[in-house]
């Protein structure tokens, strides 16, 4: 999309085009485009309106109803912080006394808008002109344009001495849209980010959840965040913003008509404690991915009085079923060395036609295993593919709670 087209979408004619495109949502794309052109809309405006309608539909999962008035690029939407995560981060910044914030690489403005809604004055910097313009449009749509302004430029040149704190979300995609896994290739690059944490102690850096723990700045808190059991990001809280060496934040979204949009549970610890190792008990606990990524499995095991069956695999076993917000609990029915033939026969004998497959420490492909099992029957069960004392093992179990 060109900037001129974005400007056109924000006019009354553009709003009409967006409304017409919304009425065509879910239909054949070619027919929808033809229908909009039949209304006399220019081809580029019709195409842009249809694209925004589709992106807004996809964005509803991240931003809820607010997505209906926002503008997106495909890459920007994929990288944007989920609304519940941005809201919680903004609340934490406000509680820490942050009143002015620089958002370096603000993208479409998800984090900046959340911070502005929390009463923080935000100065966003974005290198891409179209994305910067969309962020400004989104600030206006959210009613926070007086507290969130966007400048198109180089984030590394912003005068950070003018703000209380900095939020930096380095771009992790190349100019062609491909994912970048080497932090040195981030934009801004990792060496700038590390120096930034020295220049502005109160800095928050959003990173990919697969980030190496060795890259956590000295003295910083490393937080991993999951939403509805999906690990979505990690963040480094530096200087006075650090409250614990490692934190797992587990967010659960509520139905759209709920009073509170989400709930949160947190687990903290040093991140270097070893969990006790023992034999599998009657119950298996599967910790949330954020707990595992944060290296807080030992702390999780302590909450359920559990042990590991293998020191390198994050399944926790115990003699008591504990319902916990930090993970799922299963009652174990069978533990056997992995054998496809034996497993297939056992499931057939029990009339199992549906299985949930979980795995850690196993090279097996769950989809292929499901096909190879040739399931049939009215019953269901959960299969856990793992190792026990180094040996490939399959555990049959059923969820508790």
Protein backbone atom coordinates (compact mmCIF):
# COMPACT_ATOMS: atom_id res chain seq x y z
CA UNK A 1 0.00 0.00 0.00
CA UNK A 2 1.14 3.52 -0.77
CA UNK A 3 0.83 6.38 1.72
CA UNK A 4 -1.59 8.14 -0.59
CA UNK A 5 -3.93 5.13 -0.47
CA UNK A 6 -3.80 5.06 3.33
CA UNK A 7 -4.71 8.76 3.35
CA UNK A 8 -7.60 7.98 1.00
CA UNK A 9 -8.88 5.24 3.31
CA UNK A 10 -9.10 7.78 6.13
CA UNK A 11 -11.40 10.09 4.17
CA UNK A 12 -15.21 9.76 4.16
CA UNK A 13 -14.96 8.01 0.77
CA UNK A 14 -12.39 5.63 2.23
CA UNK A 15 -14.60 4.89 5.22
CA UNK A 16 -17.40 4.08 2.78
CA UNK A 17 -15.05 1.74 0.92
CA UNK A 18 -14.05 0.01 4.17
CA UNK A 19 -17.69 -0.43 5.14
CA UNK A 20 -18.49 -1.87 1.72
CA UNK A 21 -15.49 -4.21 1.94
CA UNK A 22 -16.62 -5.40 5.38
CA UNK A 23 -19.94 -6.32 3.80
CA UNK A 24 -18.09 -8.54 1.33
CA UNK A 25 -15.98 -10.27 3.98
CA UNK A 26 -15.74 -14.03 3.72
CA UNK A 27 -16.78 -14.17 0.09
CA UNK A 28 -14.82 -14.85 -3.08
CA UNK A 29 -11.99 -12.24 -3.28
CA UNK A 30 -12.38 -11.68 -7.02
CA UNK A 31 -16.14 -11.26 -6.72
CA UNK A 32 -15.69 -8.91 -3.76
CA UNK A 33 -13.25 -6.75 -5.73
CA UNK A 34 -15.63 -6.65 -8.67
CA UNK A 35 -18.52 -5.66 -6.39
CA UNK A 36 -16.56 -2.74 -4.96
CA UNK A 37 -15.46 -1.53 -8.39
CA UNK A 38 -19.09 -1.75 -9.53
CA UNK A 39 -19.85 0.85 -6.86
CA UNK A 40 -17.48 3.21 -8.65
CA UNK A 41 -14.53 2.76 -6.29
CA UNK A 42 -11.06 3.11 -7.83
CA UNK A 43 -9.29 -0.25 -8.16
CA UNK A 44 -6.45 0.65 -5.76
CA UNK A 45 -8.86 1.92 -3.10
CA UNK A 46 -11.08 -1.15 -3.44
CA UNK A 47 -8.08 -3.49 -3.18
CA UNK A 48 -6.74 -1.65 -0.13
CA UNK A 49 -10.13 -1.71 1.58
CA UNK A 50 -10.48 -5.44 1.03
CA UNK A 51 -6.96 -6.05 2.33
CA UNK A 52 -7.59 -4.00 5.47
CA UNK A 53 -10.86 -5.83 6.07
CA UNK A 54 -9.10 -9.17 5.96
CA UNK A 55 -6.25 -7.97 8.17
CA UNK A 56 -8.70 -6.50 10.67
CA UNK A 57 -10.50 -9.83 10.81
CA UNK A 58 -7.25 -11.62 11.55
CA UNK A 59 -6.20 -8.93 14.03
CA UNK A 60 -9.31 -9.41 16.15
CA UNK A 61 -7.60 -12.33 17.85
CA UNK A 62 -4.83 -10.02 19.04
CA UNK A 63 -6.66 -6.76 19.60
CA UNK A 64 -10.30 -7.68 20.08
CA UNK A 65 -12.99 -5.21 18.95
CA UNK A 66 -10.40 -2.39 18.68
CA UNK A 67 -9.02 -4.05 15.52
CA UNK A 68 -12.09 -2.92 13.58
CA UNK A 69 -10.80 0.67 13.51
CA UNK A 70 -7.08 0.03 13.10
CA UNK A 71 -4.79 -0.15 10.08
CA UNK A 72 -2.33 -2.97 9.45
CA UNK A 73 0.37 -4.33 7.20
CA UNK A 74 0.72 -8.10 7.00
CA UNK A 75 4.24 -8.11 8.48
CA UNK A 76 3.31 -5.51 11.09
CA UNK A 77 0.33 -7.50 12.29
CA UNK A 78 2.37 -10.67 12.63
CA UNK A 79 4.97 -8.89 14.76
CA UNK A 80 2.56 -6.73 16.78
CA UNK A 81 2.20 -7.40 20.50
CA UNK A 82 -1.08 -8.99 21.52
CA UNK A 83 -3.43 -6.57 23.21
CA UNK A 84 -3.56 -8.43 26.56
CA UNK A 85 0.24 -8.54 26.71
CA UNK A 86 0.66 -4.86 25.83
CA UNK A 87 -1.99 -3.90 28.40
CA UNK A 88 -0.25 -5.81 31.17
CA UNK A 89 3.17 -4.40 30.25
CA UNK A 90 1.77 -0.86 30.23
CA UNK A 91 0.28 -1.36 33.67
CA UNK A 92 3.59 -2.54 35.02
CA UNK A 93 5.42 0.46 33.54
CA UNK A 94 2.87 2.86 34.99
CA UNK A 95 3.08 1.18 38.40
CA UNK A 96 6.87 1.64 38.29
CA UNK A 97 6.37 5.40 37.98
CA UNK A 98 7.14 5.77 34.27
CA UNK A 99 5.53 8.94 32.92
CA UNK A 100 7.36 9.41 29.62
CA UNK A 101 8.39 6.55 27.36
CA UNK A 102 10.29 6.22 24.08
CA UNK A 103 9.04 3.34 21.92
CA UNK A 104 11.95 2.65 19.57
CA UNK A 105 10.61 0.70 16.62
CA UNK A 106 6.96 1.23 17.54
CA UNK A 107 5.58 -0.66 14.55
CA UNK A 108 1.81 -0.32 14.30
CA UNK A 109 1.66 1.09 17.83
CA UNK A 110 0.22 -1.74 19.91
CA UNK A 111 2.50 -1.25 22.90
CA UNK A 112 2.54 2.54 22.62
CA UNK A 113 -1.26 2.77 22.54
CA UNK A 114 -1.52 0.54 25.61
CA UNK A 115 1.02 2.70 27.44
CA UNK A 116 -0.80 5.88 26.42
CA UNK A 117 -4.05 4.44 27.74
CA UNK A 118 -2.25 3.83 31.03
CA UNK A 119 -1.47 7.55 31.24
CA UNK A 120 2.09 7.46 29.90
CA UNK A 121 3.30 10.03 27.35
CA UNK A 122 4.82 8.01 24.50
CA UNK A 123 7.18 9.10 21.74
CA UNK A 124 7.26 6.49 18.99
CA UNK A 125 9.95 6.11 16.35
CA UNK A 126 9.42 3.95 13.27
CA UNK A 127 11.71 3.62 10.23
CA UNK A 128 9.07 2.59 7.67
CA UNK A 129 6.98 5.57 6.49
CA UNK A 130 3.80 3.56 5.86
CA UNK A 131 3.99 1.77 9.22
CA UNK A 132 4.64 5.06 10.99
CA UNK A 133 1.61 6.60 9.32
CA UNK A 134 -0.53 3.62 10.32
CA UNK A 135 0.67 3.90 13.92
CA UNK A 136 -0.39 7.55 13.97
CA UNK A 137 -3.77 6.61 12.48
CA UNK A 138 -4.19 3.88 15.08
CA UNK A 139 -3.38 6.34 17.87
CA UNK A 140 -6.10 8.64 16.56
CA UNK A 141 -8.58 5.75 16.27
CA UNK A 142 -7.79 4.76 19.87
CA UNK A 143 -8.28 8.32 21.09
CA UNK A 144 -4.73 8.69 22.43
CA UNK A 145 -3.14 10.89 19.75
CA UNK A 146 -2.50 13.52 22.43
CA UNK A 147 -0.34 11.05 24.39
CA UNK A 148 1.26 9.05 21.56
CA UNK A 149 3.05 10.77 18.70
CA UNK A 150 5.06 9.03 15.99
CA UNK A 151 8.16 10.18 14.15
CA UNK A 152 9.40 8.42 11.03
CA UNK A 153 13.14 7.99 11.40
CA UNK A 154 16.12 6.10 12.79
CA UNK A 155 15.40 4.76 16.28
CA UNK A 156 19.10 4.77 17.12
CA UNK A 157 19.16 8.58 16.84
CA UNK A 158 16.41 9.33 19.33
CA UNK A 159 17.52 11.43 22.33
CA UNK A 160 16.74 8.99 25.13
CA UNK A 161 17.79 11.53 27.78
CA UNK A 162 14.36 13.17 27.37
CA UNK A 163 12.30 10.23 28.71
CA UNK A 164 11.93 8.21 31.90
CA UNK A 165 12.12 4.83 30.19
CA UNK A 166 12.58 3.10 26.85
CA UNK A 167 10.73 0.25 25.21
CA UNK A 168 12.53 -1.39 22.29
CA UNK A 169 11.11 -4.08 20.04
CA UNK A 170 13.81 -4.83 17.45
CA UNK A 171 12.49 -5.97 14.08
CA UNK A 172 13.18 -9.66 13.59
CA UNK A 173 12.47 -9.84 9.87
CA UNK A 174 14.64 -8.98 6.88
CA UNK A 175 13.64 -6.53 4.19
CA UNK A 176 12.20 -9.45 2.22
CA UNK A 177 10.01 -10.54 5.15
CA UNK A 178 12.06 -13.58 6.18
CA UNK A 179 12.51 -14.29 9.87
CA UNK A 180 15.85 -13.26 11.40
CA UNK A 181 17.19 -15.51 14.15
CA UNK A 182 20.60 -13.90 14.69
CA UNK A 183 20.22 -10.98 17.16
CA UNK A 184 23.12 -9.23 15.44
CA UNK A 185 20.86 -8.92 12.38
CA UNK A 186 17.95 -7.37 14.31
CA UNK A 187 16.95 -3.80 13.53
CA UNK A 188 18.14 -1.97 15.60
CA UNK A 189 21.04 -4.45 15.99
CA UNK A 190 21.69 -6.23 19.27
CA UNK A 191 24.83 -4.26 20.12
CA UNK A 192 22.72 -1.06 20.06
CA UNK A 193 20.14 -2.72 22.32
CA UNK A 194 22.78 -3.78 24.84
CA UNK A 195 24.27 -0.28 24.89
CA UNK A 196 20.79 1.17 25.28
CA UNK A 197 20.28 -0.78 28.52
CA UNK A 198 23.46 0.86 29.83
CA UNK A 199 22.45 4.39 28.80
CA UNK A 200 18.86 4.11 30.05
CA UNK A 201 18.65 1.78 33.05
CA UNK A 202 14.83 1.69 32.88
CA UNK A 203 14.63 -0.18 29.56
CA UNK A 204 12.31 -2.98 28.43
CA UNK A 205 13.35 -5.06 25.42
CA UNK A 206 10.85 -7.33 23.68
CA UNK A 207 12.49 -10.39 22.12
CA UNK A 208 11.52 -13.69 20.54
CA UNK A 209 10.65 -16.44 23.06
CA UNK A 210 13.50 -18.59 21.73
CA UNK A 211 16.12 -16.05 22.86
CA UNK A 212 19.25 -17.51 24.45
CA UNK A 213 19.42 -16.96 28.23
CA UNK A 214 23.06 -16.00 27.74
CA UNK A 215 21.88 -12.77 26.08
CA UNK A 216 19.98 -11.54 29.15
CA UNK A 217 21.66 -8.27 30.23
CA UNK A 218 23.39 -8.40 33.61
CA UNK A 219 20.97 -7.72 36.44
CA UNK A 220 17.92 -7.77 34.17
CA UNK A 221 14.73 -9.72 34.68
CA UNK A 222 13.90 -12.10 31.84
CA UNK A 223 10.17 -12.70 31.44
CA UNK A 224 8.46 -15.24 29.20
CA UNK A 225 4.78 -14.69 28.39
CA UNK A 226 2.13 -17.14 27.24
CA UNK A 227 -1.44 -16.41 26.18
CA UNK A 228 -3.89 -19.28 26.50
CA UNK A 229 -0.92 -21.69 26.78
CA UNK A 230 0.84 -20.38 23.67
CA UNK A 231 4.24 -18.79 24.35
CA UNK A 232 4.14 -15.50 22.47
CA UNK A 233 7.17 -13.47 23.54
CA UNK A 234 9.93 -12.75 26.01
CA UNK A 235 10.95 -9.43 27.50
CA UNK A 236 13.98 -8.17 29.38
CA UNK A 237 13.18 -5.71 32.20
CA UNK A 238 16.33 -3.79 32.99
CA UNK A 239 17.63 -1.62 35.81
CA UNK A 240 15.00 -0.47 38.33
CA UNK A 241 12.27 -2.30 36.39
CA UNK A 242 13.74 -5.73 37.22
CA UNK A 243 11.88 -7.49 40.04
CA UNK A 244 13.08 -11.12 39.77
CA UNK A 245 15.78 -12.96 37.82
CA UNK A 246 13.23 -15.02 35.86
CA UNK A 247 9.48 -14.70 35.47
CA UNK A 248 6.81 -16.72 33.67
CA UNK A 249 3.62 -14.74 33.03
CA UNK A 250 0.63 -16.85 32.05
CA UNK A 251 -2.30 -14.91 30.57
CA UNK A 252 -5.72 -16.41 29.98
CA UNK A 253 -8.13 -14.50 27.79
CA UNK A 254 -11.77 -14.34 28.76
CA UNK A 255 -14.87 -14.40 26.54
CA UNK A 256 -15.61 -11.14 24.76
CA UNK A 257 -18.55 -10.37 27.06
CA UNK A 258 -16.58 -10.88 30.29
CA UNK A 259 -16.04 -7.98 32.68
CA UNK A 260 -12.30 -8.60 32.83
CA UNK A 261 -10.57 -9.28 29.47
CA UNK A 262 -7.87 -11.52 30.89
CA UNK A 263 -6.40 -13.07 34.00
CA UNK A 264 -2.73 -13.52 34.81
CA UNK A 265 -0.65 -15.88 36.88
CA UNK A 266 3.05 -15.41 37.52
CA UNK A 267 5.85 -17.70 38.66
CA UNK A 268 9.27 -16.32 39.54
CA UNK A 269 12.64 -17.68 40.59
CA UNK A 270 16.37 -17.63 39.91
CA UNK A 271 16.07 -19.79 36.80
CA UNK A 272 19.03 -22.01 37.64
CA UNK A 273 17.57 -24.41 40.21
CA UNK A 274 17.59 -28.13 39.42
CA UNK A 275 14.38 -30.07 40.04
CA UNK A 276 14.57 -33.39 41.92
CA UNK A 277 14.62 -36.57 39.83
CA UNK A 278 12.65 -39.69 40.68
CA UNK A 279 10.30 -42.31 39.29
CA UNK A 280 7.00 -41.50 37.55
CA UNK A 281 4.07 -41.30 39.93
CA UNK A 282 0.34 -41.62 39.45
CA UNK A 283 0.01 -38.09 38.03
CA UNK A 284 1.86 -36.22 35.30
CA UNK A 285 2.04 -32.43 35.25
CA UNK A 286 2.79 -30.61 32.00
CA UNK A 287 4.08 -27.10 32.85
CA UNK A 288 3.09 -24.16 30.67
CA UNK A 289 5.60 -23.35 27.93
CA UNK A 290 6.41 -20.00 29.55
CA UNK A 291 7.45 -21.85 32.72
CA UNK A 292 9.71 -24.12 30.71
CA UNK A 293 11.24 -21.29 28.66
CA UNK A 294 11.94 -19.31 31.83
CA UNK A 295 13.81 -22.27 33.34
CA UNK A 296 11.37 -22.38 36.25
CA UNK A 297 10.51 -26.09 36.11
CA UNK A 298 12.04 -26.68 39.56
CA UNK A 299 9.84 -23.96 41.01
CA UNK A 300 6.84 -25.49 39.25
CA UNK A 301 7.71 -28.96 40.59
CA UNK A 302 7.75 -27.56 44.12
CA UNK A 303 4.16 -26.32 43.74
CA UNK A 304 2.94 -29.86 43.02
CA UNK A 305 5.43 -31.82 45.16
CA UNK A 306 6.70 -33.45 41.99
CA UNK A 307 9.87 -34.84 40.43
CA UNK A 308 11.30 -35.28 36.97
CA UNK A 309 11.73 -38.74 35.46
CA UNK A 310 14.57 -37.40 33.31
CA UNK A 311 16.64 -34.35 34.32
CA UNK A 312 16.47 -32.87 30.83
CA UNK A 313 12.70 -33.25 30.22
CA UNK A 314 10.15 -30.90 31.75
CA UNK A 315 7.41 -33.37 32.64
CA UNK A 316 6.77 -33.44 36.39
CA UNK A 317 5.41 -36.53 38.14
CA UNK A 318 3.77 -36.85 41.53
CA UNK A 319 1.57 -39.01 43.70
CA UNK A 320 -1.16 -36.39 43.97
CA UNK A 321 -3.20 -34.67 41.27
CA UNK A 322 -2.85 -30.94 41.72
CA UNK A 323 -4.94 -28.48 39.74
CA UNK A 324 -2.56 -25.61 39.05
CA UNK A 325 -2.64 -22.47 36.91
CA UNK A 326 0.97 -23.16 35.90
CA UNK A 327 0.24 -26.23 33.79
CA UNK A 328 -2.01 -29.17 33.05
CA UNK A 329 -2.46 -32.28 35.19
CA UNK A 330 -3.04 -35.82 33.90
CA UNK A 331 -3.79 -39.06 35.69
CA UNK A 332 -1.48 -41.80 34.40
CA UNK A 333 -3.08 -45.09 33.40
CA UNK A 334 -0.17 -46.84 31.67
CA UNK A 335 3.59 -46.40 31.32
CA UNK A 336 5.27 -48.60 28.71
CA UNK A 337 8.40 -48.67 26.55
CA UNK A 338 7.55 -47.23 23.16
CA UNK A 339 6.51 -49.87 20.62
CA UNK A 340 4.17 -48.93 17.80
CA UNK A 341 2.81 -52.46 17.53
CA UNK A 342 2.16 -52.79 21.23
CA UNK A 343 0.65 -49.31 21.50
CA UNK A 344 -1.64 -49.88 18.51
CA UNK A 345 -2.87 -53.15 19.99
CA UNK A 346 -3.53 -51.57 23.40
CA UNK A 347 -5.52 -48.67 21.95
CA UNK A 348 -7.51 -51.02 19.72
CA UNK A 349 -8.30 -53.23 22.71
CA UNK A 350 -9.65 -50.20 24.59
CA UNK A 351 -11.63 -48.84 21.65
CA UNK A 352 -9.71 -45.58 21.47
CA UNK A 353 -10.53 -43.58 18.36
CA UNK A 354 -9.22 -40.13 19.40
CA UNK A 355 -5.90 -39.23 20.99
CA UNK A 356 -4.26 -36.04 22.14
CA UNK A 357 -0.51 -36.37 21.63
CA UNK A 358 2.00 -34.47 23.74
CA UNK A 359 5.76 -34.86 23.40
CA UNK A 360 9.01 -33.80 24.98
CA UNK A 361 12.28 -35.61 24.41
CA UNK A 362 10.89 -37.64 21.52
CA UNK A 363 11.79 -37.45 17.83
CA UNK A 364 8.48 -38.99 16.73
CA UNK A 365 6.17 -36.93 14.52
CA UNK A 366 2.71 -36.79 16.17
CA UNK A 367 0.78 -36.54 12.90
CA UNK A 368 2.53 -39.54 11.41
CA UNK A 369 2.09 -41.52 14.63
CA UNK A 370 -1.62 -40.74 14.62
CA UNK A 371 -1.91 -42.13 11.09
CA UNK A 372 0.18 -45.20 11.92
CA UNK A 373 -1.98 -46.01 14.94
CA UNK A 374 -5.03 -46.47 12.67
CA UNK A 375 -7.41 -45.47 15.47
CA UNK A 376 -11.01 -46.61 15.64
CA UNK A 377 -13.54 -46.55 18.45
CA UNK A 378 -15.60 -44.24 20.68
CA UNK A 379 -13.05 -43.68 23.46
CA UNK A 380 -10.34 -41.02 23.80
CA UNK A 381 -7.08 -40.73 25.69
CA UNK A 382 -3.94 -38.62 25.94
CA UNK A 383 -0.56 -39.97 24.84
CA UNK A 384 2.68 -38.52 26.17
CA UNK A 385 5.79 -39.34 24.15
CA UNK A 386 8.89 -38.85 26.28
CA UNK A 387 11.89 -40.53 27.90
CA UNK A 388 12.12 -42.10 31.32
CA UNK A 389 15.63 -42.75 32.58
CA UNK A 390 16.83 -42.22 29.02
CA UNK A 391 14.50 -44.80 27.43
CA UNK A 392 11.81 -43.88 24.85
CA UNK A 393 8.51 -44.16 26.68
CA UNK A 394 4.81 -43.65 25.99
CA UNK A 395 2.46 -42.71 28.81
CA UNK A 396 -1.30 -43.10 28.55
CA UNK A 397 -3.24 -40.69 30.71
CA UNK A 398 -6.41 -38.64 31.06
CA UNK A 399 -6.73 -34.95 31.95
CA UNK A 400 -7.59 -33.98 35.51
CA UNK A 401 -9.85 -30.96 35.92
